[in-house]
N, C-alpha and C. Protein backbone atom coordinates (compact mmCIF):
# COMPACT_ATOMS: atom_id res chain seq x y z
N MET A 1 82.13 104.65 110.71
CA MET A 1 81.43 105.38 109.75
C MET A 1 80.31 105.60 110.34
N GLU A 2 79.63 106.59 109.65
CA GLU A 2 77.95 106.44 109.86
C GLU A 2 77.46 106.70 108.57
N GLU A 3 76.67 108.09 108.48
CA GLU A 3 75.52 107.93 107.09
C GLU A 3 76.76 108.52 106.15
N GLN A 4 77.03 108.11 104.79
CA GLN A 4 77.47 108.58 103.45
C GLN A 4 76.11 108.74 102.77
N ASN A 5 76.11 110.05 101.91
CA ASN A 5 75.02 110.41 101.01
C ASN A 5 73.72 110.04 101.49
N SER A 6 73.40 110.16 102.31
CA SER A 6 72.34 109.50 103.13
C SER A 6 71.59 108.27 102.83
N ARG A 7 72.57 106.98 103.09
CA ARG A 7 72.20 105.89 102.80
C ARG A 7 72.79 105.23 103.81
N PRO A 8 72.27 104.76 104.68
CA PRO A 8 73.39 103.71 105.49
C PRO A 8 74.60 102.67 104.93
N VAL A 9 75.88 102.91 105.73
CA VAL A 9 77.13 102.47 105.53
C VAL A 9 76.82 101.32 105.02
N LEU A 10 77.80 101.25 104.04
CA LEU A 10 77.77 99.28 103.33
C LEU A 10 79.45 98.71 104.26
N ARG A 11 78.74 97.85 105.52
CA ARG A 11 80.19 97.25 105.98
C ARG A 11 80.11 95.84 105.85
N ALA A 12 81.54 95.72 105.25
CA ALA A 12 81.64 94.20 105.18
C ALA A 12 82.46 93.82 106.27
N ILE A 13 82.49 92.08 106.29
CA ILE A 13 83.86 91.72 106.75
C ILE A 13 84.61 90.61 105.96
N TYR A 14 85.40 90.59 106.28
CA TYR A 14 86.40 89.78 105.42
C TYR A 14 86.86 88.49 106.16
N PRO A 15 86.37 87.49 106.45
CA PRO A 15 86.59 86.52 107.55
C PRO A 15 87.41 85.39 106.65
N GLY A 16 88.62 85.05 108.22
CA GLY A 16 89.15 84.59 107.63
C GLY A 16 90.27 84.09 108.65
N SER A 17 90.92 82.75 108.54
CA SER A 17 92.67 82.35 109.79
C SER A 17 93.05 83.45 109.79
N PHE A 18 93.99 83.93 108.32
CA PHE A 18 94.88 85.22 108.52
C PHE A 18 96.12 85.01 109.64
N ASP A 19 96.21 83.29 108.75
CA ASP A 19 97.70 82.85 110.01
C ASP A 19 98.63 82.59 109.56
N PRO A 20 99.27 83.25 108.44
CA PRO A 20 99.62 84.78 109.06
C PRO A 20 99.09 85.46 108.09
N ILE A 21 98.78 86.38 107.56
CA ILE A 21 98.02 87.32 106.21
C ILE A 21 98.91 87.54 105.24
N HIS A 22 98.75 87.60 104.37
CA HIS A 22 99.34 87.42 102.81
C HIS A 22 99.15 88.31 102.21
N ASN A 23 100.11 88.43 100.59
CA ASN A 23 99.41 89.46 100.02
C ASN A 23 98.07 89.48 99.33
N GLY A 24 97.86 88.24 99.24
CA GLY A 24 96.48 87.17 99.00
C GLY A 24 95.55 88.00 99.26
N HIS A 25 95.42 88.66 100.74
CA HIS A 25 94.51 88.74 101.13
C HIS A 25 94.88 89.98 101.43
N ILE A 26 95.54 90.71 101.38
CA ILE A 26 96.16 91.78 101.22
C ILE A 26 95.26 92.55 100.18
N ASP A 27 95.43 92.01 98.62
CA ASP A 27 94.99 92.57 97.69
C ASP A 27 93.49 92.12 98.16
N VAL A 28 93.05 91.18 98.48
CA VAL A 28 91.32 91.33 98.65
C VAL A 28 90.88 92.46 99.16
N ILE A 29 91.37 92.78 100.12
CA ILE A 29 91.09 93.43 100.81
C ILE A 29 90.83 95.45 100.49
N ARG A 30 91.81 95.49 100.01
CA ARG A 30 92.43 96.70 99.20
C ARG A 30 91.17 96.91 98.17
N ARG A 31 91.02 96.04 97.16
CA ARG A 31 89.91 95.43 96.25
C ARG A 31 88.33 96.24 96.42
N ALA A 32 88.26 95.36 98.24
CA ALA A 32 87.10 95.37 98.64
C ALA A 32 86.60 96.78 98.82
N VAL A 33 87.95 97.94 99.39
CA VAL A 33 87.59 99.18 100.13
C VAL A 33 87.28 100.02 98.96
N THR A 34 87.28 99.62 97.82
CA THR A 34 86.60 100.22 96.40
C THR A 34 84.95 99.84 96.53
N ILE A 35 84.93 98.53 97.06
CA ILE A 35 83.59 98.33 96.36
C ILE A 35 82.48 98.70 97.69
N PHE A 36 83.37 98.36 99.21
CA PHE A 36 82.16 99.28 100.40
C PHE A 36 82.75 99.96 101.09
N ASP A 37 82.01 100.59 102.09
CA ASP A 37 82.31 102.27 102.89
C ASP A 37 83.22 101.52 103.84
N GLU A 38 83.33 100.46 104.43
CA GLU A 38 83.67 99.50 105.37
C GLU A 38 84.15 98.49 105.01
N VAL A 39 85.91 97.76 105.80
CA VAL A 39 85.63 96.35 105.06
C VAL A 39 86.53 96.01 106.53
N ILE A 40 86.36 94.85 107.24
CA ILE A 40 86.78 94.40 108.44
C ILE A 40 87.17 92.76 108.18
N ALA A 41 88.44 92.92 108.04
CA ALA A 41 89.14 91.82 108.14
C ALA A 41 89.58 91.22 109.76
N ALA A 42 88.46 90.32 109.51
CA ALA A 42 87.91 89.27 110.39
C ALA A 42 88.28 87.90 111.06
N VAL A 43 89.10 87.80 112.11
CA VAL A 43 90.29 86.88 112.21
C VAL A 43 88.82 86.07 113.36
N ALA A 44 88.79 84.65 112.87
CA ALA A 44 88.30 83.93 112.88
C ALA A 44 89.18 82.44 114.15
N PHE A 45 88.32 82.47 114.55
CA PHE A 45 89.46 81.10 115.82
C PHE A 45 88.68 80.87 116.85
N ASN A 46 88.64 79.77 117.34
CA ASN A 46 88.30 78.35 118.28
C ASN A 46 88.77 78.40 119.31
N PRO A 47 88.04 79.03 120.28
CA PRO A 47 89.55 79.01 121.56
C PRO A 47 89.64 77.59 122.40
N HIS A 48 88.64 76.50 122.09
CA HIS A 48 88.69 75.50 121.91
C HIS A 48 89.62 74.03 121.58
N LYS A 49 89.57 75.10 119.96
CA LYS A 49 90.30 73.74 118.84
C LYS A 49 91.45 74.55 117.94
N ASP A 50 91.34 76.14 118.43
CA ASP A 50 92.05 76.95 117.47
C ASP A 50 94.20 76.25 117.48
N SER A 51 94.84 75.98 116.05
CA SER A 51 95.70 75.53 116.41
C SER A 51 96.54 76.40 114.88
N ALA A 52 96.36 77.60 114.99
CA ALA A 52 97.01 78.40 114.80
C ALA A 52 98.39 78.55 115.20
N LEU A 53 99.66 79.69 114.59
CA LEU A 53 100.53 79.63 114.85
C LEU A 53 100.28 80.93 115.55
N PHE A 54 99.71 81.49 115.17
CA PHE A 54 99.73 83.05 115.67
C PHE A 54 98.68 82.94 116.96
N THR A 55 98.59 83.93 117.81
CA THR A 55 97.05 84.24 119.07
C THR A 55 95.79 84.62 117.77
N PRO A 56 95.19 84.89 118.15
CA PRO A 56 94.29 85.92 117.73
C PRO A 56 94.64 87.36 117.66
N ASP A 57 94.57 87.79 118.25
CA ASP A 57 95.50 89.00 118.81
C ASP A 57 96.64 89.19 118.07
N GLU A 58 97.52 88.61 117.70
CA GLU A 58 99.06 89.42 117.20
C GLU A 58 98.31 88.74 115.80
N ARG A 59 96.93 87.89 115.04
CA ARG A 59 97.08 88.09 114.15
C ARG A 59 96.49 89.82 113.24
N VAL A 60 95.48 90.08 115.06
CA VAL A 60 95.19 91.33 114.56
C VAL A 60 95.75 92.44 114.24
N GLU A 61 96.70 92.47 115.14
CA GLU A 61 98.03 93.26 115.11
C GLU A 61 98.70 93.60 113.56
N MET A 62 99.37 91.65 113.43
CA MET A 62 99.88 91.94 111.93
C MET A 62 98.45 92.30 110.55
N ILE A 63 97.30 92.20 110.43
CA ILE A 63 96.27 92.75 109.55
C ILE A 63 96.42 94.80 109.35
N ARG A 64 96.40 94.88 111.26
CA ARG A 64 96.88 96.14 111.02
C ARG A 64 97.77 96.82 110.58
N GLU A 65 98.78 96.25 110.64
CA GLU A 65 100.13 96.87 110.38
C GLU A 65 100.24 96.85 108.90
N ALA A 66 99.45 95.86 108.33
CA ALA A 66 99.78 95.19 106.71
C ALA A 66 98.54 96.42 106.06
N ILE A 67 97.30 97.03 106.59
CA ILE A 67 96.51 97.78 106.21
C ILE A 67 96.26 98.91 106.75
N GLY A 68 97.19 99.23 107.00
CA GLY A 68 97.18 99.95 108.55
C GLY A 68 96.87 101.77 107.46
N ASP A 69 97.40 102.06 105.99
CA ASP A 69 97.28 103.49 105.27
C ASP A 69 95.84 102.94 104.38
N LEU A 70 94.95 102.14 104.55
CA LEU A 70 93.84 101.96 103.96
C LEU A 70 93.25 102.54 105.37
N ALA A 71 93.02 102.68 106.31
CA ALA A 71 91.87 103.30 108.00
C ALA A 71 91.35 103.95 107.47
N PRO A 72 90.61 104.66 108.15
CA PRO A 72 89.38 103.88 109.01
C PRO A 72 88.77 103.14 107.99
N GLN A 73 89.17 103.09 106.51
CA GLN A 73 87.52 102.17 105.90
C GLN A 73 88.27 100.63 105.96
N ALA A 74 89.48 100.48 106.29
CA ALA A 74 89.86 99.14 106.60
C ALA A 74 90.16 98.98 107.73
N SER A 75 89.93 97.58 108.56
CA SER A 75 90.38 97.75 109.98
C SER A 75 90.20 96.06 110.53
N ALA A 76 90.59 95.96 111.26
CA ALA A 76 91.00 94.07 111.50
C ALA A 76 90.05 93.59 112.33
N GLY A 77 89.27 92.94 113.24
CA GLY A 77 88.97 92.49 114.67
C GLY A 77 89.07 91.32 114.51
N LYS A 78 88.34 90.39 115.52
CA LYS A 78 88.62 89.08 116.11
C LYS A 78 87.01 88.41 116.06
N PHE A 79 86.92 86.91 116.10
CA PHE A 79 85.81 86.93 116.15
C PHE A 79 85.89 85.55 116.84
N SER A 80 84.89 84.69 117.74
CA SER A 80 84.54 83.40 117.77
C SER A 80 83.29 82.67 117.13
N GLY A 81 82.88 81.54 116.82
CA GLY A 81 81.53 81.05 116.21
C GLY A 81 81.57 81.49 114.73
N LEU A 82 80.39 81.56 114.16
CA LEU A 82 80.03 81.94 112.93
C LEU A 82 80.37 83.37 112.69
N SER A 83 80.67 83.57 111.19
CA SER A 83 80.96 84.19 110.21
C SER A 83 79.76 85.23 110.25
N VAL A 84 78.31 84.49 109.92
CA VAL A 84 77.50 85.19 109.58
C VAL A 84 76.92 85.86 110.70
N ASP A 85 76.82 85.10 112.39
CA ASP A 85 76.25 85.87 113.51
C ASP A 85 77.32 87.25 113.63
N TYR A 86 78.55 87.06 113.03
CA TYR A 86 79.90 88.48 113.56
C TYR A 86 79.06 89.19 112.94
N ALA A 87 78.82 89.12 111.65
CA ALA A 87 78.64 90.17 110.50
C ALA A 87 77.65 90.67 110.61
N ALA A 88 76.79 89.78 111.06
CA ALA A 88 75.04 90.37 111.94
C ALA A 88 75.20 91.33 112.98
N GLY A 89 76.30 90.96 114.46
CA GLY A 89 76.17 91.42 115.33
C GLY A 89 77.18 93.08 115.26
N ILE A 90 77.87 92.70 114.32
CA ILE A 90 78.10 94.77 113.80
C ILE A 90 77.73 95.17 112.76
N GLY A 91 76.89 94.43 112.69
CA GLY A 91 75.95 95.31 111.70
C GLY A 91 76.60 95.20 110.28
N ALA A 92 77.01 94.57 109.66
CA ALA A 92 77.56 94.31 108.39
C ALA A 92 76.62 93.36 107.50
N ARG A 93 77.02 94.02 106.64
CA ARG A 93 75.31 93.39 105.40
C ARG A 93 76.42 91.77 104.75
N VAL A 94 77.53 92.53 104.64
CA VAL A 94 78.26 91.29 103.41
C VAL A 94 79.20 90.89 103.98
N ILE A 95 79.85 89.17 103.72
CA ILE A 95 80.36 88.39 104.11
C ILE A 95 81.56 87.99 102.77
N ILE A 96 82.45 88.90 102.70
CA ILE A 96 83.36 89.02 101.17
C ILE A 96 84.22 87.78 101.23
N ARG A 97 84.31 86.54 100.44
CA ARG A 97 84.97 85.16 100.35
C ARG A 97 85.87 85.23 98.76
N SER A 98 86.88 84.92 99.50
CA SER A 98 87.94 85.20 97.80
C SER A 98 87.94 83.25 97.28
N LEU A 99 88.12 83.44 95.98
CA LEU A 99 87.76 82.20 95.30
C LEU A 99 89.39 82.33 94.45
N ARG A 100 90.11 80.99 94.98
CA ARG A 100 91.42 80.65 93.77
C ARG A 100 90.83 79.48 92.97
N ALA A 101 89.92 78.35 93.46
CA ALA A 101 89.97 77.28 92.44
C ALA A 101 88.24 76.96 92.31
N VAL A 102 88.06 76.29 91.38
CA VAL A 102 87.16 75.04 91.47
C VAL A 102 85.92 74.33 92.50
N THR A 103 88.06 74.13 93.52
CA THR A 103 86.92 73.18 94.72
C THR A 103 86.87 74.71 95.51
N ASP A 104 87.58 75.93 95.60
CA ASP A 104 87.01 76.64 96.95
C ASP A 104 85.67 77.00 96.61
N PHE A 105 85.44 77.05 95.20
CA PHE A 105 83.49 77.70 94.86
C PHE A 105 82.55 76.69 95.51
N ASP A 106 83.12 75.65 95.88
CA ASP A 106 82.12 74.27 96.09
C ASP A 106 82.17 74.20 97.06
N TYR A 107 82.88 74.24 98.04
CA TYR A 107 82.88 75.07 99.24
C TYR A 107 82.15 76.57 100.01
N GLU A 108 82.72 77.36 99.63
CA GLU A 108 82.38 78.59 99.29
C GLU A 108 80.80 78.93 98.95
N LEU A 109 80.13 78.09 98.11
CA LEU A 109 78.73 77.87 98.55
C LEU A 109 78.29 77.62 98.95
N GLN A 110 78.37 76.46 99.18
CA GLN A 110 77.81 76.26 100.15
C GLN A 110 77.65 76.34 101.64
N MET A 111 78.85 76.83 101.79
CA MET A 111 78.53 78.14 103.36
C MET A 111 77.91 78.96 102.77
N ALA A 112 77.51 79.54 101.79
CA ALA A 112 77.16 80.64 101.70
C ALA A 112 75.81 80.57 101.61
N GLN A 113 75.15 79.51 100.68
CA GLN A 113 73.79 79.33 101.37
C GLN A 113 73.29 78.95 102.58
N MET A 114 74.43 77.97 103.52
CA MET A 114 73.77 78.08 104.60
C MET A 114 73.50 79.69 105.51
N ASN A 115 74.68 79.77 104.90
CA ASN A 115 74.65 81.53 105.96
C ASN A 115 73.33 82.46 105.66
N LYS A 116 72.55 82.06 104.32
CA LYS A 116 71.56 82.78 103.57
C LYS A 116 70.76 82.87 104.29
N GLN A 117 70.48 81.21 104.70
CA GLN A 117 69.33 80.48 105.61
C GLN A 117 69.64 80.41 107.00
N MET A 118 70.04 81.53 107.48
CA MET A 118 70.69 81.67 108.91
C MET A 118 70.19 82.78 109.42
N CYS A 119 70.96 83.76 108.05
CA CYS A 119 70.41 85.42 108.83
C CYS A 119 70.74 85.76 107.05
N PRO A 120 69.18 85.80 106.75
CA PRO A 120 68.85 86.37 105.16
C PRO A 120 69.72 87.97 105.31
N THR A 121 69.25 88.98 105.81
CA THR A 121 69.63 89.90 105.42
C THR A 121 71.38 90.08 105.60
N VAL A 122 72.51 89.06 105.20
CA VAL A 122 73.92 89.09 105.35
C VAL A 122 74.27 88.24 104.00
N GLU A 123 74.26 88.96 102.76
CA GLU A 123 75.20 88.82 101.78
C GLU A 123 76.66 88.45 101.73
N THR A 124 76.68 86.91 101.08
CA THR A 124 78.08 86.87 100.65
C THR A 124 78.56 87.20 99.32
N VAL A 125 79.86 87.79 99.21
CA VAL A 125 80.09 88.23 97.47
C VAL A 125 81.60 87.13 97.07
N PHE A 126 81.93 87.32 96.00
CA PHE A 126 82.94 86.23 96.24
C PHE A 126 83.61 87.36 95.63
N LEU A 127 84.67 87.36 95.82
CA LEU A 127 85.90 87.98 94.78
C LEU A 127 87.54 87.18 94.80
N PHE A 128 87.98 87.13 93.39
CA PHE A 128 88.76 86.17 92.41
C PHE A 128 89.93 87.04 93.66
N ALA A 129 90.43 85.67 93.45
CA ALA A 129 92.20 86.00 93.77
C ALA A 129 92.60 86.72 92.60
N ASN A 130 93.64 87.27 93.15
CA ASN A 130 94.43 88.19 91.69
C ASN A 130 95.56 86.72 91.15
N PRO A 131 95.45 87.10 89.75
CA PRO A 131 96.24 85.46 89.81
C PRO A 131 97.80 85.52 89.78
N LYS A 132 98.19 86.73 90.29
CA LYS A 132 99.46 86.42 90.57
C LYS A 132 100.11 85.98 91.63
N LEU A 133 98.70 85.89 92.98
CA LEU A 133 98.70 85.49 93.96
C LEU A 133 97.88 84.61 94.29
N PHE A 134 97.26 83.79 93.17
CA PHE A 134 96.96 82.70 93.41
C PHE A 134 96.48 81.71 94.10
N PHE A 135 98.46 80.95 93.84
CA PHE A 135 99.05 80.37 95.11
C PHE A 135 99.05 80.71 96.17
N SER A 136 99.03 81.57 96.59
CA SER A 136 99.18 81.83 98.13
C SER A 136 98.51 81.18 99.46
N ALA A 137 99.01 80.51 100.10
CA ALA A 137 97.58 80.30 101.66
C ALA A 137 99.06 80.08 102.71
N SER A 138 97.90 80.95 103.86
CA SER A 138 98.88 81.05 104.94
C SER A 138 99.37 79.68 105.20
N ARG A 139 98.74 78.48 104.95
CA ARG A 139 99.64 76.33 105.36
C ARG A 139 101.22 76.83 104.45
N LEU A 140 100.84 77.49 102.73
CA LEU A 140 101.88 76.86 102.60
C LEU A 140 103.05 78.55 102.74
N ILE A 141 102.76 78.92 102.98
CA ILE A 141 103.63 80.45 103.40
C ILE A 141 104.71 79.54 104.70
N LYS A 142 103.66 79.40 105.91
CA LYS A 142 104.10 78.85 107.25
C LYS A 142 105.19 77.33 107.17
N GLU A 143 105.11 77.06 105.84
CA GLU A 143 105.68 75.87 105.62
C GLU A 143 107.02 75.34 104.85
N VAL A 144 106.98 77.28 103.85
CA VAL A 144 108.04 77.58 102.93
C VAL A 144 109.25 78.40 104.18
N ALA A 145 108.32 79.00 104.61
CA ALA A 145 109.15 79.65 105.80
C ALA A 145 110.26 79.31 106.90
N ALA A 146 109.60 77.93 107.17
CA ALA A 146 110.62 76.85 107.96
C ALA A 146 111.00 76.53 107.46
N TYR A 147 111.76 76.37 106.44
CA TYR A 147 113.22 75.97 105.70
C TYR A 147 114.12 77.58 105.51
N GLY A 148 113.31 79.05 106.07
CA GLY A 148 114.11 79.91 105.27
C GLY A 148 113.62 80.70 104.33
N LYS A 149 113.38 80.64 104.16
CA LYS A 149 112.97 81.55 102.19
C LYS A 149 112.17 82.60 103.26
N THR A 150 112.29 84.00 102.26
CA THR A 150 111.88 84.90 102.71
C THR A 150 110.73 85.15 102.55
N LEU A 151 109.97 84.89 100.94
CA LEU A 151 108.70 85.34 100.52
C LEU A 151 108.29 86.34 100.16
N PRO A 152 109.16 87.39 99.48
CA PRO A 152 108.84 89.40 99.66
C PRO A 152 107.50 89.15 98.56
N GLU A 153 107.72 88.46 97.58
CA GLU A 153 106.28 88.69 96.41
C GLU A 153 105.57 88.09 96.85
N LEU A 154 105.13 87.35 98.25
CA LEU A 154 103.82 86.51 99.23
C LEU A 154 103.43 87.76 100.61
N VAL A 155 104.73 87.98 101.29
CA VAL A 155 104.20 88.48 102.65
C VAL A 155 105.08 89.72 102.72
N PRO A 156 104.26 90.58 103.23
CA PRO A 156 104.84 92.00 103.76
C PRO A 156 105.81 91.69 104.86
N ALA A 157 107.02 92.86 104.71
CA ALA A 157 108.22 91.90 105.70
C ALA A 157 108.15 92.18 107.46
N ALA A 158 106.96 93.05 107.01
CA ALA A 158 106.93 93.14 108.88
C ALA A 158 106.07 91.64 109.72
N VAL A 159 105.69 91.52 108.28
CA VAL A 159 104.44 89.46 108.20
C VAL A 159 105.66 88.46 108.76
N MET A 160 106.55 88.74 107.53
CA MET A 160 107.87 87.54 107.48
C MET A 160 108.49 87.56 108.67
N GLN A 161 108.67 89.09 109.48
CA GLN A 161 110.22 89.00 111.01
C GLN A 161 109.70 88.05 111.88
N ARG A 162 107.95 88.92 111.75
CA ARG A 162 106.98 87.65 112.75
C ARG A 162 107.28 86.01 112.67
N LEU A 163 107.09 85.79 111.77
CA LEU A 163 106.55 84.36 110.83
C LEU A 163 108.68 83.80 111.11
N ARG A 164 109.75 84.76 110.95
CA ARG A 164 110.81 83.77 111.34
C ARG A 164 111.24 83.37 113.28
N ARG A 165 110.46 85.39 113.98
CA ARG A 165 111.04 84.50 115.13
C ARG A 165 110.34 83.76 115.40
N LYS A 166 108.85 83.77 115.11
CA LYS A 166 107.70 82.81 115.60
C LYS A 166 108.55 80.89 115.68
N LEU A 167 108.75 81.02 114.15
CA LEU A 167 109.11 80.19 113.75
C LEU A 167 110.65 79.49 114.53
N GLY A 168 111.48 80.01 115.33
CA GLY A 168 112.71 80.82 115.83
C GLY A 168 113.68 80.59 114.75
N ILE A 169 113.25 80.80 113.35
CA ILE A 169 114.66 81.62 112.48
C ILE A 169 115.77 82.86 112.45
N GLY A 170 116.47 82.07 112.72
CA GLY A 170 117.16 83.59 111.79
C GLY A 170 116.83 85.11 113.67
């Protein structure tokens, strides 16, 4: 997107592992596009330490499938390194973080303050998780899926199919 109404495009990133993306993530993205001109769900990975089930490219593909109806306002990307550096590098002025519990806030506040020290032009915005999806966590979803559960209320069907294939289930 170029410019809207003679103001710069307000681009935001929503960084995370997204291993895999779930309905809690998708809810945050859907709400974020009502606030920002452009939202990029950014898969964070460390090529030396990444222990994710899905590759960064697979995660980007799953995100694109899950939020395709929001294009071009929402998209997916990937990066390695600091999210604040990625944001600044692509001209994003906002980092979106989702909060589920008080413990999330303590950690996220420290990270937001550190990011502000490193790059004063990038703001962090917190969005609270939807109460219906409050307990959604990729780690738990993978664990439950390994036992054959499909979790349609937590994960898009296409993501669950990929998850089951990756785990070698039916």
